[in-house]
Amino acid sequence: LFGELPLAFVCFWIAYRTERFLAQMVDAAVGRGAASHLATAGQGAAER
């Protein structure tokens, strides 16, 4: 209750935040006209 479960929550939060950050970086790169090989979170692969 006071060690493993809270630490697991922190780990999942880190994973979530990192994925959000990476999705924002992909969005920003595509916005600047850079080619992307990654689909942003919640979207399918783009035609390009």
All heavy atoms as atom14 arrays in JSON, in Angstrom:
{
  "sequence": "LFGELPLAFVCFWIAYRTERFLAQMVDAAVGRGAASHLATAGQGAAER",
  "atom14_mask": [
    [1, 1, 1, 1, 1, 1, 1, 1, 0, 0, 0, 0, 0, 0],
    [1, 1, 1, 1, 1, 1, 1, 1, 1, 1, 1, 0, 0, 0],
    [1, 1, 1, 1, 0, 0, 0, 0, 0, 0, 0, 0, 0, 0],
    [1, 1, 1, 1, 1, 1, 1, 1, 1, 0, 0, 0, 0, 0],
    [1, 1, 1, 1, 1, 1, 1, 1, 0, 0, 0, 0, 0, 0],
    [1, 1, 1, 1, 1, 1, 1, 0, 0, 0, 0, 0, 0, 0],
    [1, 1, 1, 1, 1, 1, 1, 1, 0, 0, 0, 0, 0, 0],
    [1, 1, 1, 1, 1, 0, 0, 0, 0, 0, 0, 0, 0, 0],
    [1, 1, 1, 1, 1, 1, 1, 1, 1, 1, 1, 0, 0, 0],
    [1, 1, 1, 1, 1, 1, 1, 0, 0, 0, 0, 0, 0, 0],
    [1, 1, 1, 1, 1, 1, 0, 0, 0, 0, 0, 0, 0, 0],
    [1, 1, 1, 1, 1, 1, 1, 1, 1, 1, 1, 0, 0, 0],
    [1, 1, 1, 1, 1, 1, 1, 1, 1, 1, 1, 1, 1, 1],
    [1, 1, 1, 1, 1, 1, 1, 1, 0, 0, 0, 0, 0, 0],
    [1, 1, 1, 1, 1, 0, 0, 0, 0, 0, 0, 0, 0, 0],
    [1, 1, 1, 1, 1, 1, 1, 1, 1, 1, 1, 1, 0, 0],
    [1, 1, 1, 1, 1, 1, 1, 1, 1, 1, 1, 0, 0, 0],
    [1, 1, 1, 1, 1, 1, 1, 0, 0, 0, 0, 0, 0, 0],
    [1, 1, 1, 1, 1, 1, 1, 1, 1, 0, 0, 0, 0, 0],
    [1, 1, 1, 1, 1, 1, 1, 1, 1, 1, 1, 0, 0, 0],
    [1, 1, 1, 1, 1, 1, 1, 1, 1, 1, 1, 0, 0, 0],
    [1, 1, 1, 1, 1, 1, 1, 1, 0, 0, 0, 0, 0, 0],
    [1, 1, 1, 1, 1, 0, 0, 0, 0, 0, 0, 0, 0, 0],
    [1, 1, 1, 1, 1, 1, 1, 1, 1, 0, 0, 0, 0, 0],
    [1, 1, 1, 1, 1, 1, 1, 1, 0, 0, 0, 0, 0, 0],
    [1, 1, 1, 1, 1, 1, 1, 0, 0, 0, 0, 0, 0, 0],
    [1, 1, 1, 1, 1, 1, 1, 1, 0, 0, 0, 0, 0, 0],
    [1, 1, 1, 1, 1, 0, 0, 0, 0, 0, 0, 0, 0, 0],
    [1, 1, 1, 1, 1, 0, 0, 0, 0, 0, 0, 0, 0, 0],
    [1, 1, 1, 1, 1, 1, 1, 0, 0, 0, 0, 0, 0, 0],
    [1, 1, 1, 1, 0, 0, 0, 0, 0, 0, 0, 0, 0, 0],
    [1, 1, 1, 1, 1, 1, 1, 1, 1, 1, 1, 0, 0, 0],
    [1, 1, 1, 1, 0, 0, 0, 0, 0, 0, 0, 0, 0, 0],
    [1, 1, 1, 1, 1, 0, 0, 0, 0, 0, 0, 0, 0, 0],
    [1, 1, 1, 1, 1, 0, 0, 0, 0, 0, 0, 0, 0, 0],
    [1, 1, 1, 1, 1, 1, 0, 0, 0, 0, 0, 0, 0, 0],
    [1, 1, 1, 1, 1, 1, 1, 1, 1, 1, 0, 0, 0, 0],
    [1, 1, 1, 1, 1, 1, 1, 1, 0, 0, 0, 0, 0, 0],
    [1, 1, 1, 1, 1, 0, 0, 0, 0, 0, 0, 0, 0, 0],
    [1, 1, 1, 1, 1, 1, 1, 0, 0, 0, 0, 0, 0, 0],
    [1, 1, 1, 1, 1, 0, 0, 0, 0, 0, 0, 0, 0, 0],
    [1, 1, 1, 1, 0, 0, 0, 0, 0, 0, 0, 0, 0, 0],
    [1, 1, 1, 1, 1, 1, 1, 1, 1, 0, 0, 0, 0, 0],
    [1, 1, 1, 1, 0, 0, 0, 0, 0, 0, 0, 0, 0, 0],
    [1, 1, 1, 1, 1, 0, 0, 0, 0, 0, 0, 0, 0, 0],
    [1, 1, 1, 1, 1, 0, 0, 0, 0, 0, 0, 0, 0, 0],
    [1, 1, 1, 1, 1, 1, 1, 1, 1, 0, 0, 0, 0, 0],
    [1, 1, 1, 1, 1, 1, 1, 1, 1, 1, 1, 0, 0, 0]
  ],
  "atom14_positions": [
    [[0.81, -1.23, 0.0], [0.0, 0.0, 0.0], [0.83, 1.28, 0.0], [0.45, 2.28, -0.61], [-0.94, 0.01, 1.21], [-2.1, -0.97, 1.15], [-2.9, -0.92, 2.45], [-3.0, -0.66, -0.04], [0.0, 0.0, 0.0], [0.0, 0.0, 0.0], [0.0, 0.0, 0.0], [0.0, 0.0, 0.0], [0.0, 0.0, 0.0], [0.0, 0.0, 0.0]],
    [[1.96, 1.27, 0.71], [2.74, 2.5, 0.86], [4.05, 2.5, 0.1], [4.78, 3.49, 0.13], [2.99, 2.78, 2.35], [1.72, 3.02, 3.1], [1.22, 2.06, 3.96], [0.99, 4.19, 2.91], [0.03, 2.26, 4.64], [-0.19, 4.41, 3.59], [-0.68, 3.44, 4.47], [0.0, 0.0, 0.0], [0.0, 0.0, 0.0], [0.0, 0.0, 0.0]],
    [[4.36, 1.42, -0.58], [5.6, 1.35, -1.34], [5.37, 1.0, -2.79], [5.46, 1.83, -3.68], [0.0, 0.0, 0.0], [0.0, 0.0, 0.0], [0.0, 0.0, 0.0], [0.0, 0.0, 0.0], [0.0, 0.0, 0.0], [0.0, 0.0, 0.0], [0.0, 0.0, 0.0], [0.0, 0.0, 0.0], [0.0, 0.0, 0.0], [0.0, 0.0, 0.0]],
    [[5.04, -0.27, -3.02], [4.97, -0.78, -4.4], [3.85, -0.16, -5.22], [4.08, 0.23, -6.38], [4.82, -2.3, -4.36], [6.04, -2.99, -3.8], [5.76, -4.34, -3.17], [4.62, -4.59, -2.73], [6.7, -5.14, -3.11], [0.0, 0.0, 0.0], [0.0, 0.0, 0.0], [0.0, 0.0, 0.0], [0.0, 0.0, 0.0], [0.0, 0.0, 0.0]],
    [[2.65, -0.05, -4.68], [1.54, 0.49, -5.46], [1.71, 1.98, -5.78], [1.51, 2.38, -6.94], [0.21, 0.22, -4.77], [-0.15, -1.27, -4.63], [-1.48, -1.44, -3.9], [-0.17, -1.96, -5.98], [0.0, 0.0, 0.0], [0.0, 0.0, 0.0], [0.0, 0.0, 0.0], [0.0, 0.0, 0.0], [0.0, 0.0, 0.0], [0.0, 0.0, 0.0]],
    [[2.1, 2.83, -4.82], [2.34, 4.22, -5.19], [3.49, 4.38, -6.2], [3.41, 5.21, -7.11], [2.69, 4.9, -3.86], [2.1, 4.04, -2.82], [2.17, 2.64, -3.36], [0.0, 0.0, 0.0], [0.0, 0.0, 0.0], [0.0, 0.0, 0.0], [0.0, 0.0, 0.0], [0.0, 0.0, 0.0], [0.0, 0.0, 0.0], [0.0, 0.0, 0.0]],
    [[4.54, 3.59, -6.04], [5.65, 3.67, -6.97], [5.23, 3.19, -8.37], [5.65, 3.75, -9.38], [6.83, 2.86, -6.45], [8.17, 3.1, -7.1], [8.52, 4.58, -7.2], [9.26, 2.36, -6.33], [0.0, 0.0, 0.0], [0.0, 0.0, 0.0], [0.0, 0.0, 0.0], [0.0, 0.0, 0.0], [0.0, 0.0, 0.0], [0.0, 0.0, 0.0]],
    [[4.36, 2.17, -8.42], [3.83, 1.71, -9.71], [3.03, 2.84, -10.36], [3.14, 3.08, -11.58], [2.96, 0.47, -9.53], [0.0, 0.0, 0.0], [0.0, 0.0, 0.0], [0.0, 0.0, 0.0], [0.0, 0.0, 0.0], [0.0, 0.0, 0.0], [0.0, 0.0, 0.0], [0.0, 0.0, 0.0], [0.0, 0.0, 0.0], [0.0, 0.0, 0.0]],
    [[2.21, 3.54, -9.56], [1.45, 4.67, -10.08], [2.38, 5.73, -10.66], [2.13, 6.27, -11.75], [0.57, 5.28, -8.98], [-0.13, 6.54, -9.4], [-1.29, 6.46, -10.16], [0.38, 7.78, -9.07], [-1.93, 7.62, -10.59], [-0.26, 8.94, -9.48], [-1.42, 8.86, -10.24], [0.0, 0.0, 0.0], [0.0, 0.0, 0.0], [0.0, 0.0, 0.0]],
    [[3.46, 6.04, -9.97], [4.44, 7.02, -10.47], [5.05, 6.53, -11.78], [5.2, 7.31, -12.72], [5.54, 7.29, -9.41], [6.69, 8.09, -10.0], [4.95, 8.01, -8.2], [0.0, 0.0, 0.0], [0.0, 0.0, 0.0], [0.0, 0.0, 0.0], [0.0, 0.0, 0.0], [0.0, 0.0, 0.0], [0.0, 0.0, 0.0], [0.0, 0.0, 0.0]],
    [[5.36, 5.26, -11.86], [5.92, 4.71, -13.11], [4.93, 4.86, -14.26], [5.31, 5.27, -15.37], [6.28, 3.24, -12.93], [7.73, 2.95, -11.91], [0.0, 0.0, 0.0], [0.0, 0.0, 0.0], [0.0, 0.0, 0.0], [0.0, 0.0, 0.0], [0.0, 0.0, 0.0], [0.0, 0.0, 0.0], [0.0, 0.0, 0.0], [0.0, 0.0, 0.0]],
    [[3.66, 4.54, -14.04], [2.66, 4.68, -15.09], [2.46, 6.14, -15.46], [2.24, 6.47, -16.63], [1.34, 4.02, -14.69], [1.45, 2.53, -14.55], [0.89, 1.89, -13.46], [2.11, 1.76, -15.49], [0.98, 0.51, -13.32], [2.21, 0.38, -15.37], [1.64, -0.24, -14.29], [0.0, 0.0, 0.0], [0.0, 0.0, 0.0], [0.0, 0.0, 0.0]],
    [[2.54, 7.04, -14.49], [2.43, 8.47, -14.76], [3.61, 8.92, -15.63], [3.42, 9.69, -16.57], [2.4, 9.24, -13.43], [2.32, 10.72, -13.6], [1.21, 11.47, -13.9], [3.41, 11.63, -13.49], [1.55, 12.79, -13.97], [2.9, 12.93, -13.73], [4.76, 11.48, -13.21], [3.69, 14.05, -13.7], [5.55, 12.62, -13.18], [5.02, 13.88, -13.42]],
    [[4.81, 8.45, -15.33], [5.99, 8.79, -16.14], [5.79, 8.29, -17.57], [6.06, 9.02, -18.54], [7.27, 8.18, -15.53], [7.62, 8.9, -14.23], [8.44, 8.24, -16.51], [8.68, 8.2, -13.41], [0.0, 0.0, 0.0], [0.0, 0.0, 0.0], [0.0, 0.0, 0.0], [0.0, 0.0, 0.0], [0.0, 0.0, 0.0], [0.0, 0.0, 0.0]],
    [[5.31, 7.06, -17.72], [5.08, 6.51, -19.06], [4.05, 7.34, -19.82], [4.25, 7.68, -20.99], [4.62, 5.05, -18.97], [0.0, 0.0, 0.0], [0.0, 0.0, 0.0], [0.0, 0.0, 0.0], [0.0, 0.0, 0.0], [0.0, 0.0, 0.0], [0.0, 0.0, 0.0], [0.0, 0.0, 0.0], [0.0, 0.0, 0.0], [0.0, 0.0, 0.0]],
    [[2.98, 7.71, -19.15], [1.93, 8.53, -19.77], [2.47, 9.89, -20.18], [2.26, 10.34, -21.3], [0.75, 8.68, -18.8], [-0.29, 9.66, -19.27], [-1.18, 9.31, -20.27], [-0.37, 10.92, -18.7], [-2.14, 10.21, -20.71], [-1.32, 11.83, -19.12], [-2.2, 11.47, -20.14], [-3.14, 12.37, -20.57], [0.0, 0.0, 0.0], [0.0, 0.0, 0.0]],
    [[3.18, 10.55, -19.26], [3.72, 11.89, -19.56], [4.74, 11.84, -20.7], [4.78, 12.73, -21.53], [4.37, 12.48, -18.3], [3.41, 12.81, -17.19], [2.61, 14.0, -17.49], [3.51, 15.14, -17.68], [3.15, 16.38, -17.76], [1.89, 16.68, -17.67], [4.02, 17.33, -17.94], [0.0, 0.0, 0.0], [0.0, 0.0, 0.0], [0.0, 0.0, 0.0]],
    [[5.55, 10.79, -20.72], [6.54, 10.67, -21.78], [5.87, 10.48, -23.13], [6.26, 11.1, -24.12], [7.5, 9.49, -21.49], [8.1, 9.7, -20.22], [8.58, 9.38, -22.55], [0.0, 0.0, 0.0], [0.0, 0.0, 0.0], [0.0, 0.0, 0.0], [0.0, 0.0, 0.0], [0.0, 0.0, 0.0], [0.0, 0.0, 0.0], [0.0, 0.0, 0.0]],
    [[4.84, 9.65, -23.19], [4.11, 9.45, -24.44], [3.45, 10.74, -24.9], [3.45, 11.05, -26.09], [3.08, 8.33, -24.28], [3.69, 6.96, -24.22], [4.44, 6.58, -25.48], [3.95, 6.84, -26.6], [5.54, 6.02, -25.35], [0.0, 0.0, 0.0], [0.0, 0.0, 0.0], [0.0, 0.0, 0.0], [0.0, 0.0, 0.0], [0.0, 0.0, 0.0]],
    [[2.87, 11.49, -23.96], [2.26, 12.78, -24.32], [3.3, 13.73, -24.87], [3.07, 14.43, -25.85], [1.57, 13.41, -23.1], [0.22, 12.82, -22.85], [-0.58, 13.6, -21.83], [-0.66, 15.01, -22.18], [-0.83, 15.99, -21.3], [-0.94, 15.71, -20.02], [-0.91, 17.23, -21.67], [0.0, 0.0, 0.0], [0.0, 0.0, 0.0], [0.0, 0.0, 0.0]],
    [[4.47, 13.79, -24.22], [5.55, 14.65, -24.68], [5.99, 14.28, -26.09], [6.15, 15.14, -26.95], [6.73, 14.58, -23.71], [7.94, 15.35, -24.17], [7.97, 16.73, -24.04], [9.01, 14.7, -24.74], [9.08, 17.45, -24.48], [10.12, 15.4, -25.18], [10.15, 16.78, -25.05], [0.0, 0.0, 0.0], [0.0, 0.0, 0.0], [0.0, 0.0, 0.0]],
    [[6.18, 12.98, -26.33], [6.6, 12.53, -27.65], [5.55, 12.88, -28.71], [5.89, 13.29, -29.83], [6.89, 11.04, -27.65], [8.13, 10.61, -26.87], [8.22, 9.1, -26.79], [9.39, 11.2, -27.48], [0.0, 0.0, 0.0], [0.0, 0.0, 0.0], [0.0, 0.0, 0.0], [0.0, 0.0, 0.0], [0.0, 0.0, 0.0], [0.0, 0.0, 0.0]],
    [[4.27, 12.72, -28.38], [3.2, 13.07, -29.32], [3.22, 14.56, -29.63], [3.03, 14.98, -30.78], [1.85, 12.66, -28.75], [0.0, 0.0, 0.0], [0.0, 0.0, 0.0], [0.0, 0.0, 0.0], [0.0, 0.0, 0.0], [0.0, 0.0, 0.0], [0.0, 0.0, 0.0], [0.0, 0.0, 0.0], [0.0, 0.0, 0.0], [0.0, 0.0, 0.0]],
    [[3.49, 15.4, -28.61], [3.57, 16.84, -28.84], [4.77, 17.2, -29.73], [4.68, 18.08, -30.58], [3.65, 17.59, -27.52], [2.37, 17.55, -26.73], [2.53, 18.11, -25.32], [3.63, 18.39, -24.87], [1.41, 18.23, -24.61], [0.0, 0.0, 0.0], [0.0, 0.0, 0.0], [0.0, 0.0, 0.0], [0.0, 0.0, 0.0], [0.0, 0.0, 0.0]],
    [[5.87, 16.49, -29.54], [7.05, 16.74, -30.38], [6.77, 16.36, -31.83], [7.18, 17.06, -32.74], [8.27, 15.97, -29.86], [8.79, 16.43, -28.51], [9.39, 18.13, -28.54], [8.0, 19.03, -27.87], [0.0, 0.0, 0.0], [0.0, 0.0, 0.0], [0.0, 0.0, 0.0], [0.0, 0.0, 0.0], [0.0, 0.0, 0.0], [0.0, 0.0, 0.0]],
    [[6.06, 15.26, -32.03], [5.7, 14.85, -33.39], [4.77, 15.89, -34.0], [4.96, 16.3, -35.15], [5.05, 13.44, -33.39], [4.42, 13.13, -34.73], [6.07, 12.4, -33.02], [0.0, 0.0, 0.0], [0.0, 0.0, 0.0], [0.0, 0.0, 0.0], [0.0, 0.0, 0.0], [0.0, 0.0, 0.0], [0.0, 0.0, 0.0], [0.0, 0.0, 0.0]],
    [[3.76, 16.33, -33.24], [2.85, 17.36, -33.73], [3.6, 18.63, -34.11], [3.33, 19.23, -35.14], [1.78, 17.69, -32.69], [0.74, 16.59, -32.54], [0.64, 15.73, -33.45], [0.03, 16.6, -31.52], [0.0, 0.0, 0.0], [0.0, 0.0, 0.0], [0.0, 0.0, 0.0], [0.0, 0.0, 0.0], [0.0, 0.0, 0.0], [0.0, 0.0, 0.0]],
    [[4.53, 19.04, -33.25], [5.3, 20.26, -33.51], [6.17, 20.1, -34.75], [6.28, 21.01, -35.57], [6.16, 20.61, -32.3], [0.0, 0.0, 0.0], [0.0, 0.0, 0.0], [0.0, 0.0, 0.0], [0.0, 0.0, 0.0], [0.0, 0.0, 0.0], [0.0, 0.0, 0.0], [0.0, 0.0, 0.0], [0.0, 0.0, 0.0], [0.0, 0.0, 0.0]],
    [[6.78, 18.95, -34.91], [7.64, 18.71, -36.07], [6.81, 18.7, -37.35], [7.22, 19.28, -38.36], [8.38, 17.38, -35.92], [0.0, 0.0, 0.0], [0.0, 0.0, 0.0], [0.0, 0.0, 0.0], [0.0, 0.0, 0.0], [0.0, 0.0, 0.0], [0.0, 0.0, 0.0], [0.0, 0.0, 0.0], [0.0, 0.0, 0.0], [0.0, 0.0, 0.0]],
    [[5.65, 18.1, -37.32], [4.78, 18.07, -38.5], [4.29, 19.48, -38.8], [4.2, 19.89, -39.96], [3.62, 17.09, -38.29], [2.59, 17.21, -39.4], [4.14, 15.66, -38.2], [0.0, 0.0, 0.0], [0.0, 0.0, 0.0], [0.0, 0.0, 0.0], [0.0, 0.0, 0.0], [0.0, 0.0, 0.0], [0.0, 0.0, 0.0], [0.0, 0.0, 0.0]],
    [[4.0, 20.25, -37.76], [3.57, 21.64, -37.93], [4.63, 22.5, -38.6], [4.32, 23.46, -39.3], [0.0, 0.0, 0.0], [0.0, 0.0, 0.0], [0.0, 0.0, 0.0], [0.0, 0.0, 0.0], [0.0, 0.0, 0.0], [0.0, 0.0, 0.0], [0.0, 0.0, 0.0], [0.0, 0.0, 0.0], [0.0, 0.0, 0.0], [0.0, 0.0, 0.0]],
    [[5.9, 22.17, -38.4], [7.0, 22.9, -39.04], [7.31, 22.35, -40.43], [8.26, 22.77, -41.06], [8.26, 22.82, -38.17], [8.17, 23.59, -36.87], [9.52, 23.65, -36.17], [10.15, 22.36, -36.0], [10.05, 21.59, -34.92], [9.32, 22.0, -33.91], [10.67, 20.43, -34.85], [0.0, 0.0, 0.0], [0.0, 0.0, 0.0], [0.0, 0.0, 0.0]],
    [[6.52, 21.37, -40.87], [6.73, 20.82, -42.2], [7.67, 19.64, -42.25], [8.0, 19.15, -43.32], [0.0, 0.0, 0.0], [0.0, 0.0, 0.0], [0.0, 0.0, 0.0], [0.0, 0.0, 0.0], [0.0, 0.0, 0.0], [0.0, 0.0, 0.0], [0.0, 0.0, 0.0], [0.0, 0.0, 0.0], [0.0, 0.0, 0.0], [0.0, 0.0, 0.0]],
    [[8.09, 19.16, -41.09], [9.0, 18.01, -41.08], [8.2, 16.74, -41.37], [7.04, 16.62, -41.0], [9.67, 17.88, -39.71], [0.0, 0.0, 0.0], [0.0, 0.0, 0.0], [0.0, 0.0, 0.0], [0.0, 0.0, 0.0], [0.0, 0.0, 0.0], [0.0, 0.0, 0.0], [0.0, 0.0, 0.0], [0.0, 0.0, 0.0], [0.0, 0.0, 0.0]],
    [[8.82, 15.83, -42.06], [8.18, 14.55, -42.34], [8.12, 13.74, -41.05], [9.08, 13.72, -40.29], [8.94, 13.78, -43.4], [0.0, 0.0, 0.0], [0.0, 0.0, 0.0], [0.0, 0.0, 0.0], [0.0, 0.0, 0.0], [0.0, 0.0, 0.0], [0.0, 0.0, 0.0], [0.0, 0.0, 0.0], [0.0, 0.0, 0.0], [0.0, 0.0, 0.0]],
    [[7.02, 13.08, -40.83], [6.86, 12.27, -39.63], [6.61, 10.83, -40.02], [5.85, 10.55, -40.92], [5.68, 12.77, -38.8], [5.39, 11.86, -37.79], [0.0, 0.0, 0.0], [0.0, 0.0, 0.0], [0.0, 0.0, 0.0], [0.0, 0.0, 0.0], [0.0, 0.0, 0.0], [0.0, 0.0, 0.0], [0.0, 0.0, 0.0], [0.0, 0.0, 0.0]],
    [[7.24, 9.94, -39.29], [6.99, 8.52, -39.48], [6.2, 7.95, -38.32], [6.05, 6.76, -38.21], [8.32, 7.77, -39.64], [9.16, 8.32, -40.73], [8.81, 8.19, -42.05], [10.29, 9.05, -40.72], [9.71, 8.79, -42.81], [10.62, 9.32, -42.01], [0.0, 0.0, 0.0], [0.0, 0.0, 0.0], [0.0, 0.0, 0.0], [0.0, 0.0, 0.0]],
    [[5.72, 8.83, -37.44], [4.96, 8.41, -36.27], [3.57, 9.01, -36.32], [3.41, 10.17, -36.66], [5.65, 8.88, -34.98], [7.05, 8.35, -34.73], [7.63, 9.06, -33.51], [7.02, 6.86, -34.51], [0.0, 0.0, 0.0], [0.0, 0.0, 0.0], [0.0, 0.0, 0.0], [0.0, 0.0, 0.0], [0.0, 0.0, 0.0], [0.0, 0.0, 0.0]],
    [[2.58, 8.24, -35.98], [1.23, 8.77, -35.82], [1.11, 9.34, -34.42], [1.64, 8.78, -33.47], [0.2, 7.67, -36.03], [0.0, 0.0, 0.0], [0.0, 0.0, 0.0], [0.0, 0.0, 0.0], [0.0, 0.0, 0.0], [0.0, 0.0, 0.0], [0.0, 0.0, 0.0], [0.0, 0.0, 0.0], [0.0, 0.0, 0.0], [0.0, 0.0, 0.0]],
    [[0.43, 10.47, -34.29], [0.24, 11.04, -32.97], [-0.75, 10.19, -32.19], [-1.49, 9.39, -32.76], [-0.29, 12.49, -33.07], [-1.48, 12.48, -33.83], [0.74, 13.39, -33.71], [0.0, 0.0, 0.0], [0.0, 0.0, 0.0], [0.0, 0.0, 0.0], [0.0, 0.0, 0.0], [0.0, 0.0, 0.0], [0.0, 0.0, 0.0], [0.0, 0.0, 0.0]],
    [[-0.76, 10.37, -30.88], [-1.62, 9.57, -30.01], [-3.07, 9.69, -30.44], [-3.56, 10.77, -30.7], [-1.45, 10.02, -28.57], [0.0, 0.0, 0.0], [0.0, 0.0, 0.0], [0.0, 0.0, 0.0], [0.0, 0.0, 0.0], [0.0, 0.0, 0.0], [0.0, 0.0, 0.0], [0.0, 0.0, 0.0], [0.0, 0.0, 0.0], [0.0, 0.0, 0.0]],
    [[-3.76, 8.56, -30.54], [-5.17, 8.55, -30.85], [-5.48, 8.63, -32.33], [-6.64, 8.72, -32.72], [0.0, 0.0, 0.0], [0.0, 0.0, 0.0], [0.0, 0.0, 0.0], [0.0, 0.0, 0.0], [0.0, 0.0, 0.0], [0.0, 0.0, 0.0], [0.0, 0.0, 0.0], [0.0, 0.0, 0.0], [0.0, 0.0, 0.0], [0.0, 0.0, 0.0]],
    [[-4.48, 8.64, -33.19], [-4.7, 8.74, -34.62], [-4.05, 7.58, -35.33], [-3.07, 7.03, -34.87], [-4.12, 10.04, -35.16], [-4.76, 11.28, -34.58], [-4.1, 12.54, -35.13], [-3.09, 12.47, -35.81], [-4.66, 13.67, -34.82], [0.0, 0.0, 0.0], [0.0, 0.0, 0.0], [0.0, 0.0, 0.0], [0.0, 0.0, 0.0], [0.0, 0.0, 0.0]],
    [[-4.58, 7.24, -36.47], [-3.97, 6.22, -37.31], [-2.79, 6.8, -38.05], [-2.51, 8.0, -37.99], [0.0, 0.0, 0.0], [0.0, 0.0, 0.0], [0.0, 0.0, 0.0], [0.0, 0.0, 0.0], [0.0, 0.0, 0.0], [0.0, 0.0, 0.0], [0.0, 0.0, 0.0], [0.0, 0.0, 0.0], [0.0, 0.0, 0.0], [0.0, 0.0, 0.0]],
    [[-2.11, 5.97, -38.78], [-0.96, 6.42, -39.56], [-1.42, 7.38, -40.65], [-2.43, 7.17, -41.3], [-0.25, 5.23, -40.17], [0.0, 0.0, 0.0], [0.0, 0.0, 0.0], [0.0, 0.0, 0.0], [0.0, 0.0, 0.0], [0.0, 0.0, 0.0], [0.0, 0.0, 0.0], [0.0, 0.0, 0.0], [0.0, 0.0, 0.0], [0.0, 0.0, 0.0]],
    [[-0.67, 8.47, -40.83], [-0.99, 9.44, -41.87], [-0.55, 8.88, -43.21], [0.3, 8.0, -43.3], [-0.26, 10.75, -41.57], [0.0, 0.0, 0.0], [0.0, 0.0, 0.0], [0.0, 0.0, 0.0], [0.0, 0.0, 0.0], [0.0, 0.0, 0.0], [0.0, 0.0, 0.0], [0.0, 0.0, 0.0], [0.0, 0.0, 0.0], [0.0, 0.0, 0.0]],
    [[-1.13, 9.41, -44.3], [-0.8, 8.92, -45.63], [0.68, 9.1, -45.94], [1.26, 8.33, -46.68], [-1.65, 9.61, -46.67], [-3.08, 9.13, -46.65], [-3.88, 9.66, -47.83], [-3.31, 9.84, -48.92], [-5.07, 9.87, -47.65], [0.0, 0.0, 0.0], [0.0, 0.0, 0.0], [0.0, 0.0, 0.0], [0.0, 0.0, 0.0], [0.0, 0.0, 0.0]],
    [[1.31, 10.13, -45.39], [2.72, 10.37, -45.7], [3.66, 9.46, -44.91], [4.85, 9.44, -45.15], [3.07, 11.83, -45.45], [2.98, 12.22, -43.98], [3.24, 13.71, -43.82], [2.95, 14.12, -42.47], [1.75, 14.39, -41.99], [0.68, 14.28, -42.74], [1.6, 14.77, -40.74], [0.0, 0.0, 0.0], [0.0, 0.0, 0.0], [0.0, 0.0, 0.0]]
  ]
}
